[in-house]
PDB file of N, CA and C in Angstrom:
ATOM      1  N   MET A   1       1.125  -1.357   0.164  1.00  0.00           N
ATOM      2  CA  MET A   1      -0.052  -0.267   0.038  1.00  0.00           C
ATOM      3  C   MET A   1       0.928   1.145   0.060  1.00  0.00           C
ATOM      4  N   ARG A   2       0.286   2.250  -0.551  1.00  0.00           N
ATOM      5  CA  ARG A   2       0.842   3.610  -0.784  1.00  0.00           C
ATOM      6  C   ARG A   2       0.687   4.573   0.218  1.00  0.00           C
ATOM      7  N   ILE A   3       1.545   5.299   0.954  1.00  0.00           N
ATOM      8  CA  ILE A   3       0.842   5.671   2.577  1.00  0.00           C
ATOM      9  C   ILE A   3       1.666   7.052   2.634  1.00  0.00           C
ATOM     10  N   VAL A   4       1.320   7.970   3.080  1.00  0.00           N
ATOM     11  CA  VAL A   4       2.169   9.171   3.561  1.00  0.00           C
ATOM     12  C   VAL A   4       1.731   9.132   4.970  1.00  0.00           C
ATOM     13  N   VAL A   5       2.842   9.364   5.734  1.00  0.00           N
ATOM     14  CA  VAL A   5       2.608   9.156   7.341  1.00  0.00           C
ATOM     15  C   VAL A   5       2.679  10.595   7.943  1.00  0.00           C
ATOM     16  N   ASP A   6       1.658  11.149   8.258  1.00  0.00           N
ATOM     17  CA  ASP A   6       1.965  12.124   9.194  1.00  0.00           C
ATOM     18  C   ASP A   6       2.975  12.278   9.790  1.00  0.00           C
ATOM     19  N   GLU A   7       3.174  13.657  10.729  1.00  0.00           N
ATOM     20  CA  GLU A   7       4.330  13.745  11.316  1.00  0.00           C
ATOM     21  C   GLU A   7       3.934  13.203  13.030  1.00  0.00           C
ATOM     22  N   ASN A   8       2.741  12.985  13.151  1.00  0.00           N
ATOM     23  CA  ASN A   8       2.800  12.621  14.629  1.00  0.00           C
ATOM     24  C   ASN A   8       2.530  11.176  14.510  1.00  0.00           C
ATOM     25  N   VAL A   9       3.073  10.566  13.830  1.00  0.00           N
ATOM     26  CA  VAL A   9       3.402   8.801  13.946  1.00  0.00           C
ATOM     27  C   VAL A   9       4.204   8.421  14.643  1.00  0.00           C
ATOM     28  N   SER A  10       4.564   7.844  15.353  1.00  0.00           N
ATOM     29  CA  SER A  10       5.756   6.998  16.002  1.00  0.00           C
ATOM     30  C   SER A  10       6.862   6.385  15.025  1.00  0.00           C
ATOM     31  N   ASP A  11       7.986   6.469  15.214  1.00  0.00           N
ATOM     32  CA  ASP A  11       8.987   6.082  14.319  1.00  0.00           C
ATOM     33  C   ASP A  11       8.810   4.355  14.596  1.00  0.00           C
ATOM     34  N   ALA A  12       8.136   3.848  15.644  1.00  0.00           N
ATOM     35  CA  ALA A  12       7.762   2.352  15.698  1.00  0.00           C
ATOM     36  C   ALA A  12       6.800   1.970  14.760  1.00  0.00           C
ATOM     37  N   VAL A  13       5.980   2.595  14.398  1.00  0.00           N
ATOM     38  CA  VAL A  13       4.895   2.428  13.434  1.00  0.00           C
ATOM     39  C   VAL A  13       5.487   2.563  12.125  1.00  0.00           C
ATOM     40  N   VAL A  14       6.571   3.840  12.050  1.00  0.00           N
ATOM     41  CA  VAL A  14       6.805   4.032  10.614  1.00  0.00           C
ATOM     42  C   VAL A  14       7.849   2.347  10.062  1.00  0.00           C
ATOM     43  N   ASN A  15       8.531   2.401  10.994  1.00  0.00           N
ATOM     44  CA  ASN A  15       9.584   1.151  10.658  1.00  0.00           C
ATOM     45  C   ASN A  15       8.917  -0.131  10.483  1.00  0.00           C
ATOM     46  N   ALA A  16       8.143  -0.583  11.432  1.00  0.00           N
ATOM     47  CA  ALA A  16       7.305  -1.593  10.914  1.00  0.00           C
ATOM     48  C   ALA A  16       6.218  -1.935   9.860  1.00  0.00           C
ATOM     49  N   VAL A  17       5.593  -0.718   9.785  1.00  0.00           N
ATOM     50  CA  VAL A  17       4.810  -0.553   8.288  1.00  0.00           C
ATOM     51  C   VAL A  17       5.482  -0.874   7.400  1.00  0.00           C
ATOM     52  N   ARG A  18       6.904   0.008   6.974  1.00  0.00           N
ATOM     53  CA  ARG A  18       7.870  -0.008   6.006  1.00  0.00           C
ATOM     54  C   ARG A  18       8.367  -1.429   6.004  1.00  0.00           C
ATOM     55  N   ALA A  19       8.728  -2.236   7.132  1.00  0.00           N
ATOM     56  CA  ALA A  19       9.260  -3.292   6.997  1.00  0.00           C
ATOM     57  C   ALA A  19       8.391  -4.692   6.513  1.00  0.00           C
ATOM     58  N   ALA A  20       6.946  -4.198   6.709  1.00  0.00           N
ATOM     59  CA  ALA A  20       6.016  -5.182   6.393  1.00  0.00           C
ATOM     60  C   ALA A  20       5.845  -5.121   4.837  1.00  0.00           C
ATOM     61  N   GLY A  21       6.878  -4.127   3.791  1.00  0.00           N
ATOM     62  CA  GLY A  21       6.262  -3.861   2.406  1.00  0.00           C
ATOM     63  C   GLY A  21       5.565  -2.846   1.992  1.00  0.00           C
ATOM     64  N   HIS A  22       5.359  -2.084   2.797  1.00  0.00           N
ATOM     65  CA  HIS A  22       4.561  -0.796   2.411  1.00  0.00           C
ATOM     66  C   HIS A  22       5.266   0.140   1.927  1.00  0.00           C
ATOM     67  N   GLU A  23       4.729   0.835   1.034  1.00  0.00           N
ATOM     68  CA  GLU A  23       5.708   2.261   0.341  1.00  0.00           C
ATOM     69  C   GLU A  23       4.984   3.370   0.947  1.00  0.00           C
ATOM     70  N   LEU A  24       6.187   4.106   2.023  1.00  0.00           N
ATOM     71  CA  LEU A  24       5.882   4.948   2.751  1.00  0.00           C
ATOM     72  C   LEU A  24       6.567   6.391   2.385  1.00  0.00           C
ATOM     73  N   GLU A  25       5.884   7.154   2.146  1.00  0.00           N
ATOM     74  CA  GLU A  25       6.586   8.596   2.725  1.00  0.00           C
ATOM     75  C   GLU A  25       6.124   9.215   3.904  1.00  0.00           C
ATOM     76  N   LEU A  26       7.334  10.433   4.514  1.00  0.00           N
ATOM     77  CA  LEU A  26       7.043  10.621   5.507  1.00  0.00           C
ATOM     78  C   LEU A  26       6.797  12.383   5.359  1.00  0.00           C
ATOM     79  N   VAL A  27       6.098  12.887   5.671  1.00  0.00           N
ATOM     80  CA  VAL A  27       5.360  14.214   5.754  1.00  0.00           C
ATOM     81  C   VAL A  27       6.796  14.713   5.922  1.00  0.00           C
ATOM     82  N   ARG A  28       7.437  14.723   7.025  1.00  0.00           N
ATOM     83  CA  ARG A  28       8.469  15.675   7.750  1.00  0.00           C
ATOM     84  C   ARG A  28       9.529  15.521   6.616  1.00  0.00           C
ATOM     85  N   ASP A  29       9.650  14.530   5.704  1.00  0.00           N
ATOM     86  CA  ASP A  29      10.836  14.513   4.693  1.00  0.00           C
ATOM     87  C   ASP A  29      10.388  14.454   3.703  1.00  0.00           C
ATOM     88  N   THR A  30       8.952  14.732   3.342  1.00  0.00           N
ATOM     89  CA  THR A  30       8.594  14.914   1.531  1.00  0.00           C
ATOM     90  C   THR A  30       8.162  16.330   1.467  1.00  0.00           C
ATOM     91  N   TYR A  31       7.156  16.458   2.481  1.00  0.00           N
ATOM     92  CA  TYR A  31       6.538  17.768   2.446  1.00  0.00           C
ATOM     93  C   TYR A  31       7.421  19.203   3.624  1.00  0.00           C
ATOM     94  N   GLY A  32       7.630  18.483   4.972  1.00  0.00           N
ATOM     95  CA  GLY A  32       8.180  19.592   5.158  1.00  0.00           C
ATOM     96  C   GLY A  32       7.479  19.434   6.630  1.00  0.00           C
ATOM     97  N   THR A  33       8.087  19.661   7.786  1.00  0.00           N
ATOM     98  CA  THR A  33       7.566  19.949   9.143  1.00  0.00           C
ATOM     99  C   THR A  33       6.368  20.780   9.343  1.00  0.00           C
ATOM    100  N   GLY A  34       4.900  20.846   9.938  1.00  0.00           N
ATOM    101  CA  GLY A  34       4.247  21.761   9.732  1.00  0.00           C
ATOM    102  C   GLY A  34       3.572  22.250   8.947  1.00  0.00           C
ATOM    103  N   THR A  35       3.389  21.206   7.652  1.00  0.00           N
ATOM    104  CA  THR A  35       2.729  21.468   6.690  1.00  0.00           C
ATOM    105  C   THR A  35       1.233  21.148   6.534  1.00  0.00           C
ATOM    106  N   ASP A  36       0.587  22.163   6.079  1.00  0.00           N
ATOM    107  CA  ASP A  36      -0.825  22.154   6.301  1.00  0.00           C
ATOM    108  C   ASP A  36      -1.447  20.702   6.499  1.00  0.00           C
ATOM    109  N   ASP A  37      -2.693  20.513   7.324  1.00  0.00           N
ATOM    110  CA  ASP A  37      -2.973  19.431   7.022  1.00  0.00           C
ATOM    111  C   ASP A  37      -3.992  19.228   5.355  1.00  0.00           C
ATOM    112  N   ILE A  38      -4.372  20.076   4.870  1.00  0.00           N
ATOM    113  CA  ILE A  38      -5.424  20.369   3.746  1.00  0.00           C
ATOM    114  C   ILE A  38      -4.326  20.072   2.410  1.00  0.00           C
ATOM    115  N   GLU A  39      -2.885  20.632   2.863  1.00  0.00           N
ATOM    116  CA  GLU A  39      -1.907  20.223   1.699  1.00  0.00           C
ATOM    117  C   GLU A  39      -1.742  18.572   1.706  1.00  0.00           C
ATOM    118  N   ILE A  40      -1.610  18.196   2.914  1.00  0.00           N
ATOM    119  CA  ILE A  40      -1.011  16.675   3.119  1.00  0.00           C
ATOM    120  C   ILE A  40      -2.080  15.949   2.251  1.00  0.00           C
ATOM    121  N   GLU A  41      -3.576  15.983   2.612  1.00  0.00           N
ATOM    122  CA  GLU A  41      -4.759  15.678   2.131  1.00  0.00           C
ATOM    123  C   GLU A  41      -4.238  15.330   0.630  1.00  0.00           C
ATOM    124  N   SER A  42      -4.549  16.752   0.039  1.00  0.00           N
ATOM    125  CA  SER A  42      -4.519  17.192  -1.494  1.00  0.00           C
ATOM    126  C   SER A  42      -3.323  16.446  -2.383  1.00  0.00           C
ATOM    127  N   ARG A  43      -2.199  16.580  -1.687  1.00  0.00           N
ATOM    128  CA  ARG A  43      -1.047  15.931  -2.192  1.00  0.00           C
ATOM    129  C   ARG A  43      -0.994  14.229  -2.162  1.00  0.00           C
ATOM    130  N   ALA A  44      -1.462  13.567  -1.027  1.00  0.00           N
ATOM    131  CA  ALA A  44      -1.628  12.409  -0.745  1.00  0.00           C
ATOM    132  C   ALA A  44      -2.581  12.167  -2.028  1.00  0.00           C
ATOM    133  N   SER A  45      -3.818  12.144  -2.224  1.00  0.00           N
ATOM    134  CA  SER A  45      -4.802  11.994  -3.010  1.00  0.00           C
ATOM    135  C   SER A  45      -4.355  12.036  -4.354  1.00  0.00           C
ATOM    136  N   GLU A  46      -3.571  13.332  -4.809  1.00  0.00           N
ATOM    137  CA  GLU A  46      -3.175  13.084  -6.005  1.00  0.00           C
ATOM    138  C   GLU A  46      -1.862  12.227  -6.489  1.00  0.00           C
ATOM    139  N   ASP A  47      -1.134  11.391  -5.381  1.00  0.00           N
ATOM    140  CA  ASP A  47      -0.155  10.624  -5.454  1.00  0.00           C
ATOM    141  C   ASP A  47      -0.857   9.329  -5.134  1.00  0.00           C
ATOM    142  N   GLY A  48      -2.291   9.301  -5.168  1.00  0.00           N
ATOM    143  CA  GLY A  48      -2.797   7.659  -5.000  1.00  0.00           C
ATOM    144  C   GLY A  48      -2.343   7.240  -3.674  1.00  0.00           C
ATOM    145  N   ARG A  49      -1.888   8.056  -2.523  1.00  0.00           N
ATOM    146  CA  ARG A  49      -1.696   7.521  -1.011  1.00  0.00           C
ATOM    147  C   ARG A  49      -2.746   7.648  -0.038  1.00  0.00           C
ATOM    148  N   ALA A  50      -2.568   6.543   0.736  1.00  0.00           N
ATOM    149  CA  ALA A  50      -3.801   6.919   2.094  1.00  0.00           C
ATOM    150  C   ALA A  50      -3.033   7.819   3.331  1.00  0.00           C
ATOM    151  N   VAL A  51      -3.413   8.434   3.980  1.00  0.00           N
ATOM    152  CA  VAL A  51      -2.773   9.005   5.386  1.00  0.00           C
ATOM    153  C   VAL A  51      -3.212   8.355   6.216  1.00  0.00           C
ATOM    154  N   LEU A  52      -2.104   8.254   6.943  1.00  0.00           N
ATOM    155  CA  LEU A  52      -1.649   7.646   8.243  1.00  0.00           C
ATOM    156  C   LEU A  52      -1.566   8.503   9.253  1.00  0.00           C
ATOM    157  N   THR A  53      -2.405   8.677  10.375  1.00  0.00           N
ATOM    158  CA  THR A  53      -2.465  10.021  11.135  1.00  0.00           C
ATOM    159  C   THR A  53      -2.844   9.386  12.267  1.00  0.00           C
ATOM    160  N   HIS A  54      -2.589  10.516  13.617  1.00  0.00           N
ATOM    161  CA  HIS A  54      -3.039  10.545  14.750  1.00  0.00           C
ATOM    162  C   HIS A  54      -4.231  11.870  14.502  1.00  0.00           C
ATOM    163  N   ASP A  55      -4.178  12.475  13.643  1.00  0.00           N
ATOM    164  CA  ASP A  55      -4.703  13.895  13.794  1.00  0.00           C
ATOM    165  C   ASP A  55      -6.388  13.782  13.306  1.00  0.00           C
ATOM    166  N   ASP A  56      -7.212  14.242  14.399  1.00  0.00           N
ATOM    167  CA  ASP A  56      -8.534  13.899  13.796  1.00  0.00           C
ATOM    168  C   ASP A  56      -9.229  14.973  12.895  1.00  0.00           C
ATOM    169  N   ASP A  57      -8.499  15.849  12.545  1.00  0.00           N
ATOM    170  CA  ASP A  57      -8.690  16.831  11.202  1.00  0.00           C
ATOM    171  C   ASP A  57      -8.735  16.085  10.218  1.00  0.00           C
ATOM    172  N   PHE A  58      -8.210  14.883   9.716  1.00  0.00           N
ATOM    173  CA  PHE A  58      -8.540  14.478   8.633  1.00  0.00           C
ATOM    174  C   PHE A  58      -9.767  13.325   8.366  1.00  0.00           C
ATOM    175  N   VAL A  59     -10.307  13.596   9.712  1.00  0.00           N
ATOM    176  CA  VAL A  59     -11.628  12.558   9.804  1.00  0.00           C
ATOM    177  C   VAL A  59     -12.801  13.437   9.267  1.00  0.00           C
ATOM    178  N   GLY A  60     -13.900  13.065   8.647  1.00  0.00           N
ATOM    179  CA  GLY A  60     -14.895  13.775   8.301  1.00  0.00           C
ATOM    180  C   GLY A  60     -14.588  15.007   6.996  1.00  0.00           C
ATOM    181  N   LEU A  61     -13.867  14.508   6.392  1.00  0.00           N
ATOM    182  CA  LEU A  61     -13.402  15.526   5.049  1.00  0.00           C
ATOM    183  C   LEU A  61     -14.628  15.243   3.910  1.00  0.00           C
ATOM    184  N   ASP A  62     -14.888  16.160   3.167  1.00  0.00           N
ATOM    185  CA  ASP A  62     -15.823  15.994   2.109  1.00  0.00           C
ATOM    186  C   ASP A  62     -15.121  15.407   0.968  1.00  0.00           C
ATOM    187  N   ALA A  63     -15.557  14.202   0.503  1.00  0.00           N
ATOM    188  CA  ALA A  63     -15.142  13.695  -0.566  1.00  0.00           C
ATOM    189  C   ALA A  63     -15.265  14.583  -1.960  1.00  0.00           C
ATOM    190  N   PRO A  64     -13.995  14.212  -2.998  1.00  0.00           N
ATOM    191  CA  PRO A  64     -13.244  13.109  -2.753  1.00  0.00           C
ATOM    192  C   PRO A  64     -11.954  13.589  -1.844  1.00  0.00           C
ATOM    193  N   HIS A  65     -11.482  12.728  -1.467  1.00  0.00           N
ATOM    194  CA  HIS A  65     -10.409  13.026  -0.264  1.00  0.00           C
ATOM    195  C   HIS A  65      -9.652  11.388  -0.414  1.00  0.00           C
ATOM    196  N   ALA A  66      -8.317  11.541   0.101  1.00  0.00           N
ATOM    197  CA  ALA A  66      -7.562  10.434   0.127  1.00  0.00           C
ATOM    198  C   ALA A  66      -8.029   9.781   1.357  1.00  0.00           C
ATOM    199  N   PRO A  67      -7.893   8.480   0.941  1.00  0.00           N
ATOM    200  CA  PRO A  67      -8.149   7.494   2.235  1.00  0.00           C
ATOM    201  C   PRO A  67      -7.260   7.770   3.516  1.00  0.00           C
ATOM    202  N   VAL A  68      -7.962   7.650   4.612  1.00  0.00           N
ATOM    203  CA  VAL A  68      -7.667   8.166   5.846  1.00  0.00           C
ATOM    204  C   VAL A  68      -7.717   6.443   6.849  1.00  0.00           C
ATOM    205  N   LEU A  69      -6.196   6.594   7.271  1.00  0.00           N
ATOM    206  CA  LEU A  69      -5.954   5.535   8.140  1.00  0.00           C
ATOM    207  C   LEU A  69      -5.620   6.266   9.526  1.00  0.00           C
ATOM    208  N   PHE A  70      -6.984   6.310  10.349  1.00  0.00           N
ATOM    209  CA  PHE A  70      -6.972   7.141  11.572  1.00  0.00           C
ATOM    210  C   PHE A  70      -6.576   6.314  12.887  1.00  0.00           C
ATOM    211  N   MET A  71      -5.794   6.743  13.893  1.00  0.00           N
ATOM    212  CA  MET A  71      -5.079   6.002  14.800  1.00  0.00           C
ATOM    213  C   MET A  71      -5.184   7.292  15.940  1.00  0.00           C
ATOM    214  N   PRO A  72      -6.718   6.734  17.081  1.00  0.00           N
ATOM    215  CA  PRO A  72      -6.317   7.653  17.998  1.00  0.00           C
ATOM    216  C   PRO A  72      -5.401   7.535  18.984  1.00  0.00           C
ATOM    217  N   GLU A  73      -4.716   8.675  20.018  1.00  0.00           N
ATOM    218  CA  GLU A  73      -3.778   8.747  20.567  1.00  0.00           C
ATOM    219  C   GLU A  73      -3.315   7.304  21.288  1.00  0.00           C
ATOM    220  N   ASP A  74      -4.483   6.880  21.628  1.00  0.00           N
ATOM    221  CA  ASP A  74      -4.281   5.410  22.589  1.00  0.00           C
ATOM    222  C   ASP A  74      -4.467   3.746  21.697  1.00  0.00           C
ATOM    223  N   SER A  75      -3.903   4.592  20.380  1.00  0.00           N
ATOM    224  CA  SER A  75      -4.075   3.203  19.543  1.00  0.00           C
ATOM    225  C   SER A  75      -3.761   2.032  19.648  1.00  0.00           C
ATOM    226  N   PRO A  76      -4.099   1.237  18.943  1.00  0.00           N
ATOM    227  CA  PRO A  76      -3.440  -0.478  19.371  1.00  0.00           C
ATOM    228  C   PRO A  76      -2.100  -0.489  19.265  1.00  0.00           C
ATOM    229  N   SER A  77      -1.505  -1.512  19.616  1.00  0.00           N
ATOM    230  CA  SER A  77      -0.097  -1.846  19.419  1.00  0.00           C
ATOM    231  C   SER A  77       0.502  -1.649  17.692  1.00  0.00           C
ATOM    232  N   VAL A  78       1.719  -1.667  17.686  1.00  0.00           N
ATOM    233  CA  VAL A  78       2.349  -1.383  16.712  1.00  0.00           C
ATOM    234  C   VAL A  78       2.116  -2.678  15.738  1.00  0.00           C
ATOM    235  N   ALA A  79       1.858  -3.858  15.962  1.00  0.00           N
ATOM    236  CA  ALA A  79       1.641  -5.112  15.791  1.00  0.00           C
ATOM    237  C   ALA A  79       0.194  -5.141  14.832  1.00  0.00           C
ATOM    238  N   ARG A  80      -0.285  -4.515  15.682  1.00  0.00           N
ATOM    239  CA  ARG A  80      -2.035  -4.487  15.487  1.00  0.00           C
ATOM    240  C   ARG A  80      -2.183  -3.624  14.162  1.00  0.00           C
ATOM    241  N   VAL A  81      -1.182  -2.468  14.152  1.00  0.00           N
ATOM    242  CA  VAL A  81      -1.761  -1.320  13.142  1.00  0.00           C
ATOM    243  C   VAL A  81      -1.012  -2.046  11.794  1.00  0.00           C
ATOM    244  N   VAL A  82       0.006  -2.703  11.830  1.00  0.00           N
ATOM    245  CA  VAL A  82       0.466  -3.371  10.529  1.00  0.00           C
ATOM    246  C   VAL A  82       0.013  -4.463  10.251  1.00  0.00           C
ATOM    247  N   GLY A  83      -0.845  -5.330  11.034  1.00  0.00           N
ATOM    248  CA  GLY A  83      -1.697  -6.353  10.688  1.00  0.00           C
ATOM    249  C   GLY A  83      -3.040  -5.939   9.913  1.00  0.00           C
ATOM    250  N   ALA A  84      -3.164  -4.468  10.694  1.00  0.00           N
ATOM    251  CA  ALA A  84      -4.739  -3.729   9.977  1.00  0.00           C
ATOM    252  C   ALA A  84      -4.279  -3.333   8.764  1.00  0.00           C
ATOM    253  N   VAL A  85      -3.073  -2.614   8.337  1.00  0.00           N
ATOM    254  CA  VAL A  85      -2.798  -2.400   6.925  1.00  0.00           C
ATOM    255  C   VAL A  85      -2.360  -3.668   6.129  1.00  0.00           C
ATOM    256  N   ASN A  86      -1.930  -4.302   6.480  1.00  0.00           N
ATOM    257  CA  ASN A  86      -1.699  -5.226   5.753  1.00  0.00           C
ATOM    258  C   ASN A  86      -2.927  -6.096   4.991  1.00  0.00           C
ATOM    259  N   ARG A  87      -4.096  -6.219   6.154  1.00  0.00           N
ATOM    260  CA  ARG A  87      -5.484  -6.700   5.468  1.00  0.00           C
ATOM    261  C   ARG A  87      -5.657  -5.779   4.888  1.00  0.00           C
ATOM    262  N   LEU A  88      -5.934  -4.454   4.636  1.00  0.00           N
ATOM    263  CA  LEU A  88      -6.529  -3.483   3.697  1.00  0.00           C
ATOM    264  C   LEU A  88      -5.860  -3.851   2.529  1.00  0.00           C
ATOM    265  N   GLU A  89      -4.744  -4.199   2.590  1.00  0.00           N
ATOM    266  CA  GLU A  89      -4.020  -4.435   1.020  1.00  0.00           C
ATOM    267  C   GLU A  89      -4.478  -5.424   0.609  1.00  0.00           C
ATOM    268  N   ASP A  90      -4.150  -6.875   1.576  1.00  0.00           N
ATOM    269  CA  ASP A  90      -4.406  -8.199   1.048  1.00  0.00           C
ATOM    270  C   ASP A  90      -6.052  -8.827   0.375  1.00  0.00           C
ATOM    271  N   TYR A  91      -6.771  -8.180   1.159  1.00  0.00           N
ATOM    272  CA  TYR A  91      -8.069  -8.231   0.660  1.00  0.00           C
ATOM    273  C   TYR A  91      -8.541  -7.256  -0.473  1.00  0.00           C
ATOM    274  N   GLY A  92      -8.009  -6.368  -0.673  1.00  0.00           N
ATOM    275  CA  GLY A  92      -8.449  -5.467  -2.319  1.00  0.00           C
ATOM    276  C   GLY A  92      -9.294  -4.895  -1.554  1.00  0.00           C
ATOM    277  N   ILE A  93      -9.305  -4.310  -0.528  1.00  0.00           N
ATOM    278  CA  ILE A  93     -10.891  -3.073  -0.074  1.00  0.00           C
ATOM    279  C   ILE A  93     -10.242  -1.870  -0.818  1.00  0.00           C
ATOM    280  N   ASP A  94     -11.368  -1.187  -1.347  1.00  0.00           N
ATOM    281  CA  ASP A  94     -11.423   0.002  -2.142  1.00  0.00           C
ATOM    282  C   ASP A  94     -11.116   0.967  -1.002  1.00  0.00           C
ATOM    283  N   LEU A  95     -10.115   1.603  -0.919  1.00  0.00           N
ATOM    284  CA  LEU A  95     -10.134   2.205   0.235  1.00  0.00           C
ATOM    285  C   LEU A  95     -10.582   3.972  -0.100  1.00  0.00           C
ATOM    286  N   THR A  96     -11.111   4.509  -1.798  1.00  0.00           N
ATOM    287  CA  THR A  96     -11.737   5.569  -2.282  1.00  0.00           C
ATOM    288  C   THR A  96     -12.262   6.356  -1.289  1.00  0.00           C
ATOM    289  N   ASP A  97     -12.017   7.415  -1.147  1.00  0.00           N
ATOM    290  CA  ASP A  97     -12.881   8.512  -0.152  1.00  0.00           C
ATOM    291  C   ASP A  97     -12.872   7.743   1.298  1.00  0.00           C
ATOM    292  N   SER A  98     -12.616   6.370   1.576  1.00  0.00           N
ATOM    293  CA  SER A  98     -12.702   5.808   3.028  1.00  0.00           C
ATOM    294  C   SER A  98     -11.844   6.790   4.127  1.00  0.00           C
ATOM    295  N   GLU A  99     -12.386   6.164   5.492  1.00  0.00           N
ATOM    296  CA  GLU A  99     -11.893   6.488   6.556  1.00  0.00           C
ATOM    297  C   GLU A  99     -11.915   5.409   7.707  1.00  0.00           C
ATOM    298  N   PHE A 100     -10.911   4.844   8.114  1.00  0.00           N
ATOM    299  CA  PHE A 100     -10.729   3.474   8.794  1.00  0.00           C
ATOM    300  C   PHE A 100     -10.022   4.066  10.288  1.00  0.00           C
ATOM    301  N   PHE A 101     -10.694   3.285  11.028  1.00  0.00           N
ATOM    302  CA  PHE A 101     -10.592   3.709  12.509  1.00  0.00           C
ATOM    303  C   PHE A 101      -9.734   2.829  13.235  1.00  0.00           C
ATOM    304  N   VAL A 102      -8.309   3.047  14.093  1.00  0.00           N
ATOM    305  CA  VAL A 102      -7.992   1.921  14.847  1.00  0.00           C
ATOM    306  C   VAL A 102      -8.614   2.295  16.285  1.00  0.00           C
ATOM    307  N   PRO A 103      -9.074   1.289  16.949  1.00  0.00           N
ATOM    308  CA  PRO A 103      -9.022   0.170  16.816  1.00  0.00           C
ATOM    309  C   PRO A 103     -10.394  -0.543  15.950  1.00  0.00           C
ATOM    310  N   ASP A 104     -11.460  -0.111  16.094  1.00  0.00           N
ATOM    311  CA  ASP A 104     -12.492  -0.632  15.295  1.00  0.00           C
ATOM    312  C   ASP A 104     -12.572   0.013  13.991  1.00  0.00           C
ATOM    313  N   GLY A 105     -12.955  -0.947  12.888  1.00  0.00           N
ATOM    314  CA  GLY A 105     -13.187  -0.512  11.407  1.00  0.00           C
ATOM    315  C   GLY A 105     -11.919  -1.425  10.718  1.00  0.00           C
ATOM    316  N   TRP A 106     -11.194  -1.590  11.286  1.00  0.00           N
ATOM    317  CA  TRP A 106      -9.759  -2.184  10.388  1.00  0.00           C
ATOM    318  C   TRP A 106      -8.548  -2.615  11.139  1.00  0.00           C
ATOM    319  N   ALA A 107      -8.747  -2.593  12.732  1.00  0.00           N
ATOM    320  CA  ALA A 107      -7.778  -3.418  13.009  1.00  0.00           C
ATOM    321  C   ALA A 107      -8.056  -4.712  13.711  1.00  0.00           C
TER     322      ALA A 107
END
């Protein structure tokens, strides 16, 4: 899966999702620290990427929008997050204009 990772996501999650074979871009490296959420979503959408984030500003966007993989601050373990991302890809779920919440909905 192609994912842009918001700057609020831990390195442990980034490393584990990347190790599972997903193609990641980090907001802090690609767009720069402090990039506006609207720009992140827009660029992710243009690039065909989902947004992995703890930021609830990405929840409830008007369609069309990039897929959002939202983890509340008290999100599940790194292993559960990786498993959820893997399942979304393995099952070929259409991510178009979708929001997936951890833990319910996709973990």
